[in-house]
Amino acid sequence: MPDLLLVFLKEPRPGQAKTRLLPALHPALAARFYRLLAEEEVHRTAPVADEYARLFCFTPAGAREAIARWFPGEELWPQPEGDLGIRMAAAFDEGFRRGARRVAIIGTDVPWVSRDTVREAFHALDAHDLVLGPARDGGYYLLSLRAPQPELFAGIAWSTPSVLAETRGKAERLALRVASLETLADLDTLADLEREWEWLAPVLARDPPLAQEIARALRRG
């Protein structure tokens, strides 16, 4: 198998997607916004020919049919139960078990991650053991490995500003050679949306009613 990109995503259910935008946005609108961002990132990271494969790691486990309708033709794998670290470690294990040379993982909150970003991460593994894509909120939007490293995902305070620093600390203790990509912003809060509005507006143009509601929440126009 070529290099493998794991795409972590969830079924966009109201009340369970983009919850940090609630109550400024109605739960159904927040879910629509998540769907739009996920579709943008999936489109941008689509490989050309066989340069790498993708595995869509979805949650909840019972959402296979909904995810298959959303992204027809993609290979799907249900995330197991447990915290984010348990689920990520299991996904990497699955990727390497399938015979991938190198494995990277992305979420669906940083829609400007592109095919070029993924290729850069895999290329950096030629000389490093771990590649991190730092996010402005203190987490990371991409992590790639040339071999399983389950210890990287244990004991991390997920969804906090210390995720990246804690991961770097674990990598140092494991004597891993680490490379970093450019820092990017994810889109979790109204402040994130306001800051990235110039980029976001053309994407939202695909869903004018949603764009109008988000602009109202930001008190634009």
N, C-alpha and C. Protein backbone atom coordinates (compact mmCIF):
# COMPACT_ATOMS: atom_id res chain seq x y z
N MET A 1 0.85 -1.20 0.00
CA MET A 1 0.00 0.00 0.00
C MET A 1 0.88 1.24 0.00
N PRO A 2 0.46 2.31 -0.69
CA PRO A 2 1.22 3.57 -0.62
C PRO A 2 1.03 4.22 0.74
N ASP A 3 1.51 5.45 0.88
CA ASP A 3 1.24 6.21 2.09
C ASP A 3 -0.26 6.35 2.28
N LEU A 4 -0.67 6.47 3.55
CA LEU A 4 -2.09 6.48 3.88
C LEU A 4 -2.44 7.72 4.69
N LEU A 5 -3.48 8.43 4.26
CA LEU A 5 -4.02 9.57 5.00
C LEU A 5 -5.29 9.13 5.71
N LEU A 6 -5.29 9.27 7.03
CA LEU A 6 -6.48 9.02 7.85
C LEU A 6 -7.24 10.32 7.98
N VAL A 7 -8.51 10.30 7.59
CA VAL A 7 -9.37 11.49 7.70
C VAL A 7 -10.36 11.24 8.84
N PHE A 8 -10.18 11.94 9.94
CA PHE A 8 -11.08 11.80 11.09
C PHE A 8 -12.28 12.72 10.88
N LEU A 9 -13.47 12.16 10.91
CA LEU A 9 -14.66 12.99 10.76
C LEU A 9 -15.82 12.37 11.50
N LYS A 10 -16.83 13.18 11.73
CA LYS A 10 -18.02 12.72 12.43
C LYS A 10 -19.24 12.99 11.57
N GLU A 11 -20.29 12.23 11.82
CA GLU A 11 -21.56 12.52 11.17
C GLU A 11 -22.03 13.89 11.67
N PRO A 12 -22.39 14.80 10.77
CA PRO A 12 -22.78 16.15 11.20
C PRO A 12 -24.18 16.20 11.79
N ARG A 13 -24.29 15.72 13.00
CA ARG A 13 -25.58 15.71 13.70
C ARG A 13 -25.75 17.00 14.49
N PRO A 14 -26.92 17.65 14.40
CA PRO A 14 -27.17 18.87 15.19
C PRO A 14 -26.95 18.61 16.68
N GLY A 15 -26.24 19.52 17.31
CA GLY A 15 -25.96 19.39 18.72
C GLY A 15 -24.69 18.63 19.03
N GLN A 16 -24.09 18.00 18.01
CA GLN A 16 -22.87 17.22 18.22
C GLN A 16 -21.72 17.67 17.32
N ALA A 17 -21.93 18.70 16.55
CA ALA A 17 -20.90 19.21 15.64
C ALA A 17 -20.75 20.71 15.86
N LYS A 18 -19.52 21.16 15.91
CA LYS A 18 -19.20 22.58 16.10
C LYS A 18 -19.94 23.16 17.31
N THR A 19 -19.85 22.45 18.43
CA THR A 19 -20.61 22.84 19.62
C THR A 19 -20.11 24.16 20.23
N ARG A 20 -18.87 24.55 19.92
CA ARG A 20 -18.37 25.81 20.47
C ARG A 20 -18.98 27.02 19.77
N LEU A 21 -19.72 26.78 18.69
CA LEU A 21 -20.44 27.86 18.03
C LEU A 21 -21.87 28.02 18.58
N LEU A 22 -22.25 27.13 19.49
CA LEU A 22 -23.57 27.23 20.12
C LEU A 22 -23.46 28.11 21.35
N PRO A 23 -24.49 28.89 21.68
CA PRO A 23 -25.78 29.03 21.02
C PRO A 23 -25.82 30.14 19.97
N ALA A 24 -24.67 30.73 19.64
CA ALA A 24 -24.69 31.81 18.64
C ALA A 24 -25.29 31.32 17.33
N LEU A 25 -25.01 30.06 16.99
CA LEU A 25 -25.64 29.42 15.84
C LEU A 25 -26.57 28.32 16.33
N HIS A 26 -27.69 28.17 15.64
CA HIS A 26 -28.59 27.05 15.94
C HIS A 26 -27.83 25.74 15.69
N PRO A 27 -28.09 24.70 16.49
CA PRO A 27 -27.38 23.43 16.31
C PRO A 27 -27.42 22.89 14.89
N ALA A 28 -28.53 23.04 14.20
CA ALA A 28 -28.64 22.55 12.82
C ALA A 28 -27.72 23.34 11.89
N LEU A 29 -27.60 24.64 12.14
CA LEU A 29 -26.71 25.47 11.32
C LEU A 29 -25.25 25.15 11.60
N ALA A 30 -24.91 24.91 12.86
CA ALA A 30 -23.54 24.54 13.21
C ALA A 30 -23.16 23.23 12.53
N ALA A 31 -24.11 22.29 12.48
CA ALA A 31 -23.85 21.01 11.81
C ALA A 31 -23.66 21.22 10.31
N ARG A 32 -24.45 22.11 9.72
CA ARG A 32 -24.28 22.42 8.29
C ARG A 32 -22.93 23.05 8.03
N PHE A 33 -22.49 23.90 8.95
CA PHE A 33 -21.18 24.53 8.80
C PHE A 33 -20.07 23.48 8.87
N TYR A 34 -20.19 22.55 9.81
CA TYR A 34 -19.19 21.48 9.90
C TYR A 34 -19.17 20.67 8.61
N ARG A 35 -20.35 20.35 8.08
CA ARG A 35 -20.42 19.58 6.83
C ARG A 35 -19.69 20.32 5.70
N LEU A 36 -19.91 21.62 5.61
CA LEU A 36 -19.28 22.41 4.56
C LEU A 36 -17.76 22.40 4.69
N LEU A 37 -17.26 22.58 5.92
CA LEU A 37 -15.81 22.58 6.14
C LEU A 37 -15.21 21.22 5.82
N ALA A 38 -15.88 20.16 6.26
CA ALA A 38 -15.37 18.81 6.00
C ALA A 38 -15.29 18.54 4.50
N GLU A 39 -16.32 18.94 3.77
CA GLU A 39 -16.32 18.73 2.32
C GLU A 39 -15.19 19.50 1.65
N GLU A 40 -14.92 20.70 2.14
CA GLU A 40 -13.83 21.51 1.58
C GLU A 40 -12.48 20.81 1.81
N GLU A 41 -12.26 20.32 3.02
CA GLU A 41 -10.99 19.68 3.33
C GLU A 41 -10.83 18.36 2.58
N VAL A 42 -11.90 17.60 2.49
CA VAL A 42 -11.85 16.34 1.74
C VAL A 42 -11.51 16.61 0.28
N HIS A 43 -12.11 17.65 -0.28
CA HIS A 43 -11.82 18.01 -1.67
C HIS A 43 -10.37 18.44 -1.83
N ARG A 44 -9.87 19.26 -0.91
CA ARG A 44 -8.52 19.79 -1.03
C ARG A 44 -7.44 18.72 -0.84
N THR A 45 -7.75 17.68 -0.08
CA THR A 45 -6.74 16.65 0.20
C THR A 45 -6.89 15.42 -0.69
N ALA A 46 -7.73 15.50 -1.71
CA ALA A 46 -7.89 14.36 -2.61
C ALA A 46 -6.58 14.08 -3.32
N PRO A 47 -6.09 12.84 -3.27
CA PRO A 47 -4.81 12.52 -3.92
C PRO A 47 -4.96 12.44 -5.43
N VAL A 48 -3.86 12.63 -6.11
CA VAL A 48 -3.80 12.46 -7.55
C VAL A 48 -3.21 11.08 -7.83
N ALA A 49 -3.89 10.31 -8.64
CA ALA A 49 -3.44 8.96 -8.98
C ALA A 49 -3.24 8.17 -7.69
N ASP A 50 -2.09 7.52 -7.57
CA ASP A 50 -1.87 6.67 -6.41
C ASP A 50 -0.80 7.23 -5.48
N GLU A 51 -0.69 8.57 -5.40
CA GLU A 51 0.37 9.15 -4.57
C GLU A 51 0.16 8.84 -3.09
N TYR A 52 -1.08 8.72 -2.64
CA TYR A 52 -1.39 8.18 -1.31
C TYR A 52 -2.84 7.74 -1.30
N ALA A 53 -3.17 6.89 -0.35
CA ALA A 53 -4.54 6.42 -0.19
C ALA A 53 -5.19 7.19 0.97
N ARG A 54 -6.52 7.09 1.06
CA ARG A 54 -7.23 7.70 2.18
C ARG A 54 -8.14 6.69 2.85
N LEU A 55 -8.25 6.81 4.16
CA LEU A 55 -9.18 6.00 4.94
C LEU A 55 -9.99 6.96 5.79
N PHE A 56 -11.31 6.94 5.63
CA PHE A 56 -12.19 7.84 6.36
C PHE A 56 -12.58 7.17 7.68
N CYS A 57 -12.09 7.73 8.78
CA CYS A 57 -12.30 7.17 10.12
C CYS A 57 -13.46 7.95 10.76
N PHE A 58 -14.61 7.33 10.86
CA PHE A 58 -15.81 8.07 11.21
C PHE A 58 -16.33 7.71 12.60
N THR A 59 -17.13 8.60 13.13
CA THR A 59 -17.84 8.41 14.37
C THR A 59 -19.20 9.10 14.25
N PRO A 60 -20.25 8.59 14.90
CA PRO A 60 -20.32 7.37 15.69
C PRO A 60 -20.27 6.12 14.81
N ALA A 61 -20.04 4.98 15.46
CA ALA A 61 -19.86 3.74 14.72
C ALA A 61 -21.09 3.35 13.91
N GLY A 62 -22.27 3.78 14.37
CA GLY A 62 -23.50 3.43 13.68
C GLY A 62 -23.81 4.30 12.48
N ALA A 63 -22.90 5.21 12.13
CA ALA A 63 -23.17 6.17 11.06
C ALA A 63 -22.61 5.74 9.72
N ARG A 64 -22.24 4.47 9.55
CA ARG A 64 -21.59 4.04 8.31
C ARG A 64 -22.43 4.38 7.08
N GLU A 65 -23.72 4.08 7.10
CA GLU A 65 -24.55 4.34 5.92
C GLU A 65 -24.62 5.83 5.60
N ALA A 66 -24.74 6.65 6.64
CA ALA A 66 -24.82 8.10 6.42
C ALA A 66 -23.50 8.63 5.86
N ILE A 67 -22.38 8.14 6.37
CA ILE A 67 -21.08 8.59 5.87
C ILE A 67 -20.87 8.11 4.45
N ALA A 68 -21.30 6.88 4.16
CA ALA A 68 -21.15 6.33 2.80
C ALA A 68 -21.96 7.14 1.79
N ARG A 69 -23.13 7.63 2.21
CA ARG A 69 -23.92 8.48 1.31
C ARG A 69 -23.26 9.84 1.14
N TRP A 70 -22.64 10.32 2.21
CA TRP A 70 -21.99 11.63 2.18
C TRP A 70 -20.74 11.60 1.30
N PHE A 71 -19.93 10.56 1.46
CA PHE A 71 -18.70 10.43 0.67
C PHE A 71 -18.68 9.07 -0.04
N PRO A 72 -19.49 8.93 -1.07
CA PRO A 72 -19.59 7.63 -1.75
C PRO A 72 -18.26 7.20 -2.37
N GLY A 73 -17.99 5.92 -2.28
CA GLY A 73 -16.80 5.36 -2.89
C GLY A 73 -15.55 5.42 -2.04
N GLU A 74 -15.60 6.10 -0.90
CA GLU A 74 -14.43 6.19 -0.03
C GLU A 74 -14.39 4.98 0.91
N GLU A 75 -13.18 4.60 1.31
CA GLU A 75 -13.03 3.48 2.24
C GLU A 75 -13.28 3.99 3.65
N LEU A 76 -14.11 3.27 4.40
CA LEU A 76 -14.56 3.72 5.71
C LEU A 76 -14.07 2.78 6.81
N TRP A 77 -13.85 3.37 7.98
CA TRP A 77 -13.43 2.61 9.16
C TRP A 77 -14.01 3.29 10.38
N PRO A 78 -14.79 2.56 11.22
CA PRO A 78 -15.41 3.18 12.39
C PRO A 78 -14.40 3.39 13.51
N GLN A 79 -14.37 4.58 14.07
CA GLN A 79 -13.51 4.84 15.22
C GLN A 79 -14.00 4.01 16.40
N PRO A 80 -13.09 3.48 17.22
CA PRO A 80 -13.51 2.73 18.39
C PRO A 80 -13.96 3.67 19.51
N GLU A 81 -14.47 3.10 20.58
CA GLU A 81 -14.83 3.89 21.76
C GLU A 81 -13.55 4.36 22.45
N GLY A 82 -13.68 5.43 23.22
CA GLY A 82 -12.55 5.93 23.98
C GLY A 82 -12.26 7.38 23.67
N ASP A 83 -11.28 7.95 24.38
CA ASP A 83 -10.95 9.35 24.15
C ASP A 83 -10.22 9.49 22.82
N LEU A 84 -9.92 10.73 22.46
CA LEU A 84 -9.31 10.99 21.16
C LEU A 84 -7.99 10.25 21.01
N GLY A 85 -7.20 10.18 22.07
CA GLY A 85 -5.92 9.50 21.99
C GLY A 85 -6.07 8.02 21.69
N ILE A 86 -7.02 7.37 22.34
CA ILE A 86 -7.27 5.95 22.09
C ILE A 86 -7.69 5.74 20.65
N ARG A 87 -8.56 6.62 20.15
CA ARG A 87 -9.07 6.47 18.79
C ARG A 87 -7.98 6.73 17.75
N MET A 88 -7.14 7.73 18.00
CA MET A 88 -6.07 8.01 17.05
C MET A 88 -5.03 6.89 17.04
N ALA A 89 -4.65 6.41 18.20
CA ALA A 89 -3.68 5.31 18.26
C ALA A 89 -4.21 4.09 17.52
N ALA A 90 -5.50 3.80 17.71
CA ALA A 90 -6.10 2.65 17.02
C ALA A 90 -6.12 2.85 15.51
N ALA A 91 -6.37 4.09 15.08
CA ALA A 91 -6.41 4.37 13.64
C ALA A 91 -5.02 4.20 13.01
N PHE A 92 -3.99 4.70 13.69
CA PHE A 92 -2.63 4.49 13.18
C PHE A 92 -2.29 3.01 13.12
N ASP A 93 -2.67 2.29 14.16
CA ASP A 93 -2.42 0.84 14.17
C ASP A 93 -3.11 0.17 12.99
N GLU A 94 -4.33 0.58 12.71
CA GLU A 94 -5.07 0.03 11.57
C GLU A 94 -4.38 0.36 10.26
N GLY A 95 -3.90 1.58 10.14
CA GLY A 95 -3.23 1.99 8.91
C GLY A 95 -1.97 1.18 8.64
N PHE A 96 -1.15 1.03 9.66
CA PHE A 96 0.07 0.25 9.47
C PHE A 96 -0.24 -1.24 9.31
N ARG A 97 -1.28 -1.72 9.97
CA ARG A 97 -1.67 -3.12 9.81
C ARG A 97 -2.08 -3.41 8.38
N ARG A 98 -2.64 -2.40 7.71
CA ARG A 98 -3.03 -2.57 6.32
C ARG A 98 -1.84 -2.52 5.35
N GLY A 99 -0.67 -2.25 5.87
CA GLY A 99 0.53 -2.28 5.05
C GLY A 99 1.02 -0.94 4.57
N ALA A 100 0.50 0.16 5.11
CA ALA A 100 0.96 1.49 4.69
C ALA A 100 2.41 1.70 5.09
N ARG A 101 3.16 2.34 4.23
CA ARG A 101 4.56 2.69 4.54
C ARG A 101 4.62 3.78 5.60
N ARG A 102 3.80 4.80 5.40
CA ARG A 102 3.76 5.95 6.30
C ARG A 102 2.31 6.36 6.43
N VAL A 103 1.95 6.89 7.59
CA VAL A 103 0.55 7.22 7.87
C VAL A 103 0.47 8.63 8.45
N ALA A 104 -0.50 9.40 7.95
CA ALA A 104 -0.78 10.74 8.48
C ALA A 104 -2.25 10.81 8.87
N ILE A 105 -2.55 11.71 9.79
CA ILE A 105 -3.93 11.90 10.22
C ILE A 105 -4.27 13.38 10.19
N ILE A 106 -5.50 13.68 9.76
CA ILE A 106 -6.03 15.05 9.81
C ILE A 106 -7.43 15.00 10.38
N GLY A 107 -7.86 16.11 10.96
CA GLY A 107 -9.25 16.27 11.35
C GLY A 107 -9.97 17.01 10.24
N THR A 108 -11.10 17.61 10.59
CA THR A 108 -11.87 18.34 9.57
C THR A 108 -12.26 19.73 10.08
N ASP A 109 -11.33 20.37 10.80
CA ASP A 109 -11.56 21.71 11.32
C ASP A 109 -10.61 22.74 10.73
N VAL A 110 -9.70 22.31 9.86
CA VAL A 110 -8.72 23.22 9.26
C VAL A 110 -8.81 23.04 7.75
N PRO A 111 -9.82 23.65 7.14
CA PRO A 111 -10.13 23.32 5.74
C PRO A 111 -9.11 23.80 4.73
N TRP A 112 -8.07 24.51 5.13
CA TRP A 112 -7.05 24.88 4.15
C TRP A 112 -5.90 23.88 4.11
N VAL A 113 -6.02 22.78 4.86
CA VAL A 113 -5.09 21.67 4.66
C VAL A 113 -5.34 21.12 3.25
N SER A 114 -4.28 20.92 2.50
CA SER A 114 -4.42 20.54 1.10
C SER A 114 -3.60 19.30 0.78
N ARG A 115 -3.75 18.86 -0.44
CA ARG A 115 -2.93 17.75 -0.94
C ARG A 115 -1.45 18.08 -0.81
N ASP A 116 -1.07 19.32 -1.10
CA ASP A 116 0.33 19.71 -0.97
C ASP A 116 0.80 19.59 0.49
N THR A 117 -0.07 19.95 1.44
CA THR A 117 0.28 19.82 2.86
C THR A 117 0.56 18.37 3.20
N VAL A 118 -0.31 17.48 2.74
CA VAL A 118 -0.16 16.05 3.03
C VAL A 118 1.12 15.52 2.41
N ARG A 119 1.37 15.88 1.17
CA ARG A 119 2.58 15.41 0.50
C ARG A 119 3.84 15.92 1.21
N GLU A 120 3.81 17.16 1.68
CA GLU A 120 4.94 17.70 2.42
C GLU A 120 5.18 16.90 3.70
N ALA A 121 4.09 16.54 4.39
CA ALA A 121 4.22 15.76 5.63
C ALA A 121 4.84 14.40 5.37
N PHE A 122 4.40 13.73 4.31
CA PHE A 122 4.97 12.43 4.00
C PHE A 122 6.44 12.56 3.59
N HIS A 123 6.75 13.57 2.80
CA HIS A 123 8.14 13.77 2.35
C HIS A 123 9.06 14.01 3.54
N ALA A 124 8.56 14.76 4.54
CA ALA A 124 9.39 15.07 5.70
C ALA A 124 9.74 13.81 6.50
N LEU A 125 8.93 12.77 6.36
CA LEU A 125 9.24 11.52 7.07
C LEU A 125 10.44 10.79 6.49
N ASP A 126 10.95 11.25 5.36
CA ASP A 126 12.18 10.66 4.83
C ASP A 126 13.34 10.88 5.80
N ALA A 127 13.28 11.98 6.54
CA ALA A 127 14.39 12.31 7.44
C ALA A 127 13.94 12.47 8.90
N HIS A 128 12.65 12.24 9.18
CA HIS A 128 12.13 12.40 10.53
C HIS A 128 11.22 11.23 10.89
N ASP A 129 10.95 11.10 12.18
CA ASP A 129 10.06 10.03 12.65
C ASP A 129 8.62 10.53 12.83
N LEU A 130 8.49 11.81 13.06
CA LEU A 130 7.20 12.42 13.38
C LEU A 130 7.12 13.78 12.73
N VAL A 131 5.97 14.09 12.12
CA VAL A 131 5.73 15.41 11.55
C VAL A 131 4.45 15.96 12.17
N LEU A 132 4.53 17.20 12.63
CA LEU A 132 3.39 17.86 13.26
C LEU A 132 3.00 19.10 12.48
N GLY A 133 1.70 19.30 12.32
CA GLY A 133 1.17 20.53 11.76
C GLY A 133 0.54 21.34 12.88
N PRO A 134 1.22 22.34 13.41
CA PRO A 134 0.70 23.08 14.57
C PRO A 134 -0.54 23.90 14.22
N ALA A 135 -1.49 23.90 15.15
CA ALA A 135 -2.67 24.76 15.03
C ALA A 135 -2.52 25.94 15.97
N ARG A 136 -3.13 27.05 15.63
CA ARG A 136 -2.97 28.26 16.43
C ARG A 136 -3.53 28.14 17.83
N ASP A 137 -4.45 27.19 18.03
CA ASP A 137 -5.08 27.06 19.35
C ASP A 137 -4.28 26.19 20.31
N GLY A 138 -3.06 25.77 19.90
CA GLY A 138 -2.24 24.94 20.78
C GLY A 138 -2.35 23.46 20.52
N GLY A 139 -3.15 23.07 19.55
CA GLY A 139 -3.23 21.67 19.15
C GLY A 139 -2.47 21.44 17.86
N TYR A 140 -2.87 20.45 17.11
CA TYR A 140 -2.27 20.22 15.80
C TYR A 140 -3.34 19.76 14.83
N TYR A 141 -3.14 20.12 13.55
CA TYR A 141 -4.12 19.77 12.52
C TYR A 141 -3.68 18.55 11.73
N LEU A 142 -2.42 18.15 11.86
CA LEU A 142 -1.90 16.98 11.16
C LEU A 142 -0.80 16.36 11.99
N LEU A 143 -0.74 15.03 11.96
CA LEU A 143 0.36 14.30 12.57
C LEU A 143 0.67 13.13 11.66
N SER A 144 1.94 12.93 11.33
CA SER A 144 2.30 11.79 10.49
C SER A 144 3.46 11.02 11.10
N LEU A 145 3.46 9.71 10.86
CA LEU A 145 4.43 8.81 11.46
C LEU A 145 4.93 7.82 10.43
N ARG A 146 6.16 7.35 10.64
CA ARG A 146 6.71 6.31 9.79
C ARG A 146 6.62 4.94 10.45
N ALA A 147 6.18 4.89 11.72
CA ALA A 147 5.98 3.64 12.46
C ALA A 147 5.01 3.92 13.60
N PRO A 148 4.31 2.91 14.08
CA PRO A 148 3.37 3.14 15.19
C PRO A 148 4.08 3.70 16.42
N GLN A 149 3.44 4.66 17.08
CA GLN A 149 3.97 5.26 18.31
C GLN A 149 2.80 5.49 19.27
N PRO A 150 2.19 4.44 19.79
CA PRO A 150 0.99 4.61 20.61
C PRO A 150 1.22 5.46 21.85
N GLU A 151 2.47 5.53 22.34
CA GLU A 151 2.75 6.32 23.54
C GLU A 151 2.49 7.82 23.31
N LEU A 152 2.56 8.25 22.05
CA LEU A 152 2.33 9.66 21.74
C LEU A 152 0.93 10.12 22.12
N PHE A 153 -0.01 9.21 22.16
CA PHE A 153 -1.42 9.57 22.32
C PHE A 153 -1.96 9.27 23.70
N ALA A 154 -1.11 8.79 24.60
CA ALA A 154 -1.57 8.43 25.94
C ALA A 154 -1.34 9.58 26.92
N GLY A 155 -2.34 9.84 27.75
CA GLY A 155 -2.18 10.82 28.81
C GLY A 155 -2.13 12.26 28.37
N ILE A 156 -2.69 12.57 27.21
CA ILE A 156 -2.74 13.95 26.71
C ILE A 156 -4.04 14.62 27.17
N ALA A 157 -3.95 15.86 27.57
CA ALA A 157 -5.15 16.63 27.95
C ALA A 157 -5.79 17.17 26.67
N TRP A 158 -6.59 16.34 26.03
CA TRP A 158 -7.18 16.69 24.74
C TRP A 158 -8.10 17.90 24.85
N SER A 159 -8.22 18.62 23.73
CA SER A 159 -9.07 19.82 23.64
C SER A 159 -8.62 20.92 24.58
N THR A 160 -7.32 21.01 24.81
CA THR A 160 -6.75 22.09 25.61
C THR A 160 -5.60 22.73 24.82
N PRO A 161 -5.17 23.92 25.21
CA PRO A 161 -4.06 24.58 24.50
C PRO A 161 -2.70 23.91 24.70
N SER A 162 -2.64 22.84 25.50
CA SER A 162 -1.35 22.20 25.78
C SER A 162 -1.10 20.96 24.94
N VAL A 163 -2.04 20.61 24.04
CA VAL A 163 -1.92 19.35 23.29
C VAL A 163 -0.61 19.28 22.51
N LEU A 164 -0.29 20.33 21.76
CA LEU A 164 0.92 20.30 20.95
C LEU A 164 2.16 20.21 21.83
N ALA A 165 2.23 21.00 22.88
CA ALA A 165 3.39 20.99 23.76
C ALA A 165 3.55 19.62 24.44
N GLU A 166 2.46 19.04 24.89
CA GLU A 166 2.53 17.72 25.52
C GLU A 166 3.01 16.67 24.52
N THR A 167 2.52 16.77 23.29
CA THR A 167 2.94 15.81 22.26
C THR A 167 4.42 15.95 21.94
N ARG A 168 4.89 17.19 21.85
CA ARG A 168 6.32 17.41 21.62
C ARG A 168 7.14 16.85 22.77
N GLY A 169 6.66 17.02 23.99
CA GLY A 169 7.37 16.49 25.14
C GLY A 169 7.47 14.97 25.10
N LYS A 170 6.39 14.31 24.72
CA LYS A 170 6.42 12.86 24.59
C LYS A 170 7.38 12.44 23.49
N ALA A 171 7.37 13.16 22.38
CA ALA A 171 8.27 12.84 21.27
C ALA A 171 9.73 12.95 21.70
N GLU A 172 10.03 13.97 22.51
CA GLU A 172 11.39 14.13 22.99
C GLU A 172 11.80 12.97 23.88
N ARG A 173 10.88 12.55 24.77
CA ARG A 173 11.20 11.43 25.65
C ARG A 173 11.36 10.13 24.88
N LEU A 174 10.69 10.02 23.74
CA LEU A 174 10.79 8.82 22.90
C LEU A 174 11.95 8.92 21.91
N ALA A 175 12.68 10.03 21.97
CA ALA A 175 13.84 10.26 21.09
C ALA A 175 13.44 10.24 19.62
N LEU A 176 12.29 10.82 19.31
CA LEU A 176 11.82 10.89 17.93
C LEU A 176 12.33 12.16 17.27
N ARG A 177 12.72 12.05 16.03
CA ARG A 177 13.11 13.22 15.24
C ARG A 177 11.83 13.87 14.72
N VAL A 178 11.65 15.15 15.03
CA VAL A 178 10.38 15.83 14.77
C VAL A 178 10.57 16.94 13.74
N ALA A 179 9.66 17.01 12.78
CA ALA A 179 9.59 18.12 11.83
C ALA A 179 8.26 18.82 12.00
N SER A 180 8.22 20.10 11.68
CA SER A 180 6.99 20.88 11.81
C SER A 180 6.61 21.51 10.48
N LEU A 181 5.32 21.56 10.22
CA LEU A 181 4.77 22.25 9.07
C LEU A 181 4.39 23.67 9.49
N GLU A 182 3.83 24.43 8.57
CA GLU A 182 3.40 25.78 8.92
C GLU A 182 2.23 25.74 9.91
N THR A 183 2.13 26.77 10.71
CA THR A 183 1.02 26.88 11.66
C THR A 183 -0.22 27.38 10.94
N LEU A 184 -1.35 26.70 11.19
CA LEU A 184 -2.63 27.07 10.57
C LEU A 184 -3.69 27.24 11.65
N ALA A 185 -4.75 27.93 11.29
CA ALA A 185 -5.85 28.17 12.21
C ALA A 185 -6.98 27.18 11.96
N ASP A 186 -7.56 26.66 13.03
CA ASP A 186 -8.78 25.89 12.87
C ASP A 186 -9.97 26.82 13.10
N LEU A 187 -11.16 26.32 12.88
CA LEU A 187 -12.36 27.16 12.91
C LEU A 187 -13.35 26.57 13.92
N ASP A 188 -13.17 26.95 15.17
CA ASP A 188 -14.01 26.40 16.24
C ASP A 188 -14.94 27.42 16.88
N THR A 189 -14.51 28.69 16.93
CA THR A 189 -15.27 29.71 17.65
C THR A 189 -15.66 30.85 16.71
N LEU A 190 -16.55 31.71 17.20
CA LEU A 190 -16.92 32.89 16.41
C LEU A 190 -15.70 33.78 16.16
N ALA A 191 -14.80 33.87 17.13
CA ALA A 191 -13.60 34.67 16.93
C ALA A 191 -12.75 34.10 15.79
N ASP A 192 -12.69 32.76 15.69
CA ASP A 192 -11.96 32.14 14.58
C ASP A 192 -12.59 32.53 13.25
N LEU A 193 -13.92 32.47 13.19
CA LEU A 193 -14.63 32.79 11.95
C LEU A 193 -14.44 34.25 11.57
N GLU A 194 -14.47 35.13 12.54
CA GLU A 194 -14.26 36.55 12.27
C GLU A 194 -12.86 36.79 11.72
N ARG A 195 -11.87 36.16 12.33
CA ARG A 195 -10.48 36.36 11.92
C ARG A 195 -10.23 35.85 10.51
N GLU A 196 -10.89 34.76 10.14
CA GLU A 196 -10.64 34.12 8.84
C GLU A 196 -11.75 34.42 7.83
N TRP A 197 -12.51 35.48 8.06
CA TRP A 197 -13.68 35.74 7.23
C TRP A 197 -13.33 35.92 5.75
N GLU A 198 -12.24 36.58 5.47
CA GLU A 198 -11.87 36.83 4.07
C GLU A 198 -11.72 35.52 3.29
N TRP A 199 -11.15 34.52 3.95
CA TRP A 199 -11.03 33.21 3.30
C TRP A 199 -12.35 32.46 3.33
N LEU A 200 -13.08 32.59 4.43
CA LEU A 200 -14.28 31.79 4.65
C LEU A 200 -15.44 32.19 3.75
N ALA A 201 -15.56 33.48 3.46
CA ALA A 201 -16.72 33.97 2.71
C ALA A 201 -16.93 33.25 1.38
N PRO A 202 -15.89 33.04 0.55
CA PRO A 202 -16.12 32.32 -0.71
C PRO A 202 -16.60 30.88 -0.51
N VAL A 203 -16.15 30.24 0.56
CA VAL A 203 -16.60 28.87 0.85
C VAL A 203 -18.07 28.89 1.26
N LEU A 204 -18.43 29.83 2.11
CA LEU A 204 -19.83 29.95 2.56
C LEU A 204 -20.77 30.33 1.42
N ALA A 205 -20.23 30.89 0.35
CA ALA A 205 -21.07 31.28 -0.78
C ALA A 205 -21.79 30.09 -1.39
N ARG A 206 -21.31 28.88 -1.12
CA ARG A 206 -21.99 27.68 -1.62
C ARG A 206 -23.28 27.40 -0.86
N ASP A 207 -23.46 28.06 0.29
CA ASP A 207 -24.67 27.88 1.09
C ASP A 207 -25.12 29.25 1.58
N PRO A 208 -25.77 30.05 0.71
CA PRO A 208 -26.11 31.43 1.07
C PRO A 208 -26.91 31.58 2.36
N PRO A 209 -27.93 30.75 2.63
CA PRO A 209 -28.65 30.92 3.90
C PRO A 209 -27.73 30.74 5.12
N LEU A 210 -26.84 29.76 5.04
CA LEU A 210 -25.89 29.55 6.14
C LEU A 210 -24.96 30.75 6.26
N ALA A 211 -24.47 31.25 5.13
CA ALA A 211 -23.59 32.42 5.15
C ALA A 211 -24.28 33.60 5.81
N GLN A 212 -25.56 33.78 5.51
CA GLN A 212 -26.32 34.89 6.09
C GLN A 212 -26.42 34.76 7.60
N GLU A 213 -26.68 33.54 8.08
CA GLU A 213 -26.82 33.31 9.52
C GLU A 213 -25.49 33.52 10.24
N ILE A 214 -24.39 33.06 9.63
CA ILE A 214 -23.10 33.25 10.27
C ILE A 214 -22.72 34.73 10.27
N ALA A 215 -23.00 35.43 9.17
CA ALA A 215 -22.73 36.86 9.12
C ALA A 215 -23.54 37.59 10.19
N ARG A 216 -24.78 37.16 10.39
CA ARG A 216 -25.61 37.79 11.44
C ARG A 216 -25.00 37.54 12.82
N ALA A 217 -24.53 36.29 13.05
CA ALA A 217 -23.92 35.97 14.35
C ALA A 217 -22.66 36.80 14.58
N LEU A 218 -21.97 37.12 13.48
CA LEU A 218 -20.77 37.95 13.58
C LEU A 218 -21.08 39.44 13.50
N ARG A 219 -22.37 39.73 13.35
CA ARG A 219 -22.84 41.12 13.23
C ARG A 219 -22.22 41.80 12.03
N ARG A 220 -22.20 41.03 10.94
CA ARG A 220 -21.71 41.57 9.66
C ARG A 220 -22.92 41.86 8.77
N GLY A 221 -23.09 43.08 8.37
CA GLY A 221 -24.15 43.45 7.44
C GLY A 221 -25.53 43.40 8.06
